[in-house]
Amino acid sequence: MAATDTLIALFSRHNIDQPEVEALVYPLCNTDSVDILHQVYTWSVVGVDEIISQKYAISKKLSELVSLLSDLMVGFSPPGPASLEPSAFLHFLILIAQHQSPI
């Protein structure tokens, strides 16, 4: 959870610039990183009766992190296909948005 909190603090800064986005955001939005985030998110999704659990807190934090990453991806010039393949990230974003949990 501390790692997710740290990433949220890093990516919610108002003074982030293009080189930082290229170095920090784009690698997290590539397929290998998204696969790891997806595995953690899948593990953390809980039912309504478990919303007080640690898993639920992690699920909320991951949703917030993905939201920040998507904001940064659209807020800066898109890189070439060699440095970012966003399809896995976009599928993950849709999965989170479609989930029926009370996040």
C-alpha atoms as a PDB file:
ATOM      1  CA  MET A   1       0.000   0.000   0.000  1.00  0.00           C
ATOM      2  CA  ALA A   2       2.902   2.359   0.753  1.00  0.00           C
ATOM      3  CA  ALA A   3       4.249   1.902  -2.775  1.00  0.00           C
ATOM      4  CA  THR A   4       0.871   2.801  -4.261  1.00  0.00           C
ATOM      5  CA  ASP A   5       0.605   5.856  -1.989  1.00  0.00           C
ATOM      6  CA  THR A   6       4.067   6.960  -3.112  1.00  0.00           C
ATOM      7  CA  LEU A   7       3.172   6.600  -6.788  1.00  0.00           C
ATOM      8  CA  ILE A   8      -0.053   8.537  -6.242  1.00  0.00           C
ATOM      9  CA  ALA A   9       1.874  11.344  -4.544  1.00  0.00           C
ATOM     10  CA  LEU A  10       4.421  11.377  -7.373  1.00  0.00           C
ATOM     11  CA  PHE A  11       1.865  11.468 -10.177  1.00  0.00           C
ATOM     12  CA  SER A  12      -0.549  13.925  -8.570  1.00  0.00           C
ATOM     13  CA  ARG A  13       2.041  16.734  -8.537  1.00  0.00           C
ATOM     14  CA  HIS A  14       1.070  19.810 -10.521  1.00  0.00           C
ATOM     15  CA  ASN A  15       4.561  20.550 -11.794  1.00  0.00           C
ATOM     16  CA  ILE A  16       5.287  17.305 -13.646  1.00  0.00           C
ATOM     17  CA  ASP A  17       6.772  17.867 -17.103  1.00  0.00           C
ATOM     18  CA  GLN A  18       7.126  15.966 -20.386  1.00  0.00           C
ATOM     19  CA  PRO A  19      10.505  14.329 -19.637  1.00  0.00           C
ATOM     20  CA  GLU A  20       9.198  13.053 -16.290  1.00  0.00           C
ATOM     21  CA  VAL A  21       6.078  11.663 -17.942  1.00  0.00           C
ATOM     22  CA  GLU A  22       8.200   9.904 -20.549  1.00  0.00           C
ATOM     23  CA  ALA A  23      10.517   8.463 -17.889  1.00  0.00           C
ATOM     24  CA  LEU A  24       7.958   7.608 -15.192  1.00  0.00           C
ATOM     25  CA  VAL A  25       4.460   7.296 -16.648  1.00  0.00           C
ATOM     26  CA  TYR A  26       4.992   5.621 -20.000  1.00  0.00           C
ATOM     27  CA  PRO A  27       6.885   2.641 -18.538  1.00  0.00           C
ATOM     28  CA  LEU A  28       4.001   2.016 -16.111  1.00  0.00           C
ATOM     29  CA  CYS A  29       1.541   2.070 -19.003  1.00  0.00           C
ATOM     30  CA  ASN A  30       3.330  -0.564 -21.068  1.00  0.00           C
ATOM     31  CA  THR A  31       2.098  -4.136 -21.227  1.00  0.00           C
ATOM     32  CA  ASP A  32       4.438  -5.750 -18.672  1.00  0.00           C
ATOM     33  CA  SER A  33       3.704  -3.160 -15.997  1.00  0.00           C
ATOM     34  CA  VAL A  34      -0.017  -3.169 -16.732  1.00  0.00           C
ATOM     35  CA  ASP A  35      -0.060  -6.966 -16.380  1.00  0.00           C
ATOM     36  CA  ILE A  36       1.347  -6.635 -12.851  1.00  0.00           C
ATOM     37  CA  LEU A  37      -1.093  -3.850 -11.931  1.00  0.00           C
ATOM     38  CA  HIS A  38      -3.935  -5.941 -13.367  1.00  0.00           C
ATOM     39  CA  GLN A  39      -2.960  -8.961 -11.257  1.00  0.00           C
ATOM     40  CA  VAL A  40      -2.876  -6.878  -8.076  1.00  0.00           C
ATOM     41  CA  TYR A  41      -6.170  -5.205  -8.963  1.00  0.00           C
ATOM     42  CA  THR A  42      -7.846  -8.555  -9.683  1.00  0.00           C
ATOM     43  CA  TRP A  43      -6.634  -9.866  -6.320  1.00  0.00           C
ATOM     44  CA  SER A  44      -7.863  -6.734  -4.521  1.00  0.00           C
ATOM     45  CA  VAL A  45     -11.434  -6.608  -5.861  1.00  0.00           C
ATOM     46  CA  VAL A  46     -13.882  -7.503  -3.096  1.00  0.00           C
ATOM     47  CA  GLY A  47     -17.614  -7.804  -2.653  1.00  0.00           C
ATOM     48  CA  VAL A  48     -19.897  -5.364  -0.877  1.00  0.00           C
ATOM     49  CA  ASP A  49     -19.558  -7.255   2.403  1.00  0.00           C
ATOM     50  CA  GLU A  50     -15.774  -6.704   2.451  1.00  0.00           C
ATOM     51  CA  ILE A  51     -15.453  -2.973   1.776  1.00  0.00           C
ATOM     52  CA  ILE A  52     -13.716  -2.394   5.091  1.00  0.00           C
ATOM     53  CA  SER A  53     -10.882  -4.786   4.221  1.00  0.00           C
ATOM     54  CA  GLN A  54      -7.297  -3.961   3.273  1.00  0.00           C
ATOM     55  CA  LYS A  55      -7.955  -5.430  -0.166  1.00  0.00           C
ATOM     56  CA  TYR A  56     -10.648  -2.839  -0.781  1.00  0.00           C
ATOM     57  CA  ALA A  57      -8.263  -0.037   0.222  1.00  0.00           C
ATOM     58  CA  ILE A  58      -5.692  -1.337  -2.262  1.00  0.00           C
ATOM     59  CA  SER A  59      -8.342  -1.576  -4.960  1.00  0.00           C
ATOM     60  CA  LYS A  60      -9.313   2.063  -4.386  1.00  0.00           C
ATOM     61  CA  LYS A  61      -5.685   3.172  -4.465  1.00  0.00           C
ATOM     62  CA  LEU A  62      -5.010   1.302  -7.716  1.00  0.00           C
ATOM     63  CA  SER A  63      -8.081   2.900  -9.278  1.00  0.00           C
ATOM     64  CA  GLU A  64      -6.809   6.314  -8.243  1.00  0.00           C
ATOM     65  CA  LEU A  65      -3.334   5.548  -9.599  1.00  0.00           C
ATOM     66  CA  VAL A  66      -4.702   4.424 -12.970  1.00  0.00           C
ATOM     67  CA  SER A  67      -6.832   7.564 -13.142  1.00  0.00           C
ATOM     68  CA  LEU A  68      -3.762   9.742 -12.555  1.00  0.00           C
ATOM     69  CA  LEU A  69      -1.754   7.818 -15.143  1.00  0.00           C
ATOM     70  CA  SER A  70      -4.502   8.237 -17.732  1.00  0.00           C
ATOM     71  CA  ASP A  71      -4.717  11.977 -17.026  1.00  0.00           C
ATOM     72  CA  LEU A  72      -0.975  12.305 -17.555  1.00  0.00           C
ATOM     73  CA  MET A  73      -1.073  10.239 -20.740  1.00  0.00           C
ATOM     74  CA  VAL A  74      -3.589  12.565 -22.370  1.00  0.00           C
ATOM     75  CA  GLY A  75      -2.098  15.762 -20.946  1.00  0.00           C
ATOM     76  CA  PHE A  76       1.170  15.518 -22.831  1.00  0.00           C
ATOM     77  CA  SER A  77       2.298  14.923 -26.397  1.00  0.00           C
ATOM     78  CA  PRO A  78       1.889  11.296 -27.324  1.00  0.00           C
ATOM     79  CA  PRO A  79       5.093   9.361 -27.820  1.00  0.00           C
ATOM     80  CA  GLY A  80       5.829   7.209 -30.822  1.00  0.00           C
ATOM     81  CA  PRO A  81       4.695   3.577 -30.881  1.00  0.00           C
ATOM     82  CA  ALA A  82       8.221   2.471 -29.985  1.00  0.00           C
ATOM     83  CA  SER A  83       7.999   4.056 -26.531  1.00  0.00           C
ATOM     84  CA  LEU A  84       4.363   3.365 -25.648  1.00  0.00           C
ATOM     85  CA  GLU A  85       1.819   0.726 -26.613  1.00  0.00           C
ATOM     86  CA  PRO A  86      -1.322   1.851 -24.740  1.00  0.00           C
ATOM     87  CA  SER A  87      -3.753  -0.942 -25.658  1.00  0.00           C
ATOM     88  CA  ALA A  88      -3.144  -3.044 -22.508  1.00  0.00           C
ATOM     89  CA  PHE A  89      -3.440   0.079 -20.336  1.00  0.00           C
ATOM     90  CA  LEU A  90      -6.680   1.131 -22.034  1.00  0.00           C
ATOM     91  CA  HIS A  91      -8.192  -2.327 -21.578  1.00  0.00           C
ATOM     92  CA  PHE A  92      -7.209  -2.219 -17.896  1.00  0.00           C
ATOM     93  CA  LEU A  93      -8.734   1.248 -17.531  1.00  0.00           C
ATOM     94  CA  ILE A  94     -11.998   0.004 -19.043  1.00  0.00           C
ATOM     95  CA  LEU A  95     -11.985  -3.020 -16.721  1.00  0.00           C
ATOM     96  CA  ILE A  96     -11.727  -0.744 -13.688  1.00  0.00           C
ATOM     97  CA  ALA A  97     -14.407   1.625 -14.992  1.00  0.00           C
ATOM     98  CA  GLN A  98     -16.828  -1.244 -15.636  1.00  0.00           C
ATOM     99  CA  HIS A  99     -16.451  -2.866 -12.238  1.00  0.00           C
ATOM    100  CA  GLN A 100     -19.575  -2.743 -10.065  1.00  0.00           C
ATOM    101  CA  SER A 101     -17.757  -2.095  -6.776  1.00  0.00           C
ATOM    102  CA  PRO A 102     -18.472   1.051  -4.752  1.00  0.00           C
ATOM    103  CA  ILE A 103     -15.047   2.583  -5.526  1.00  0.00           C
END
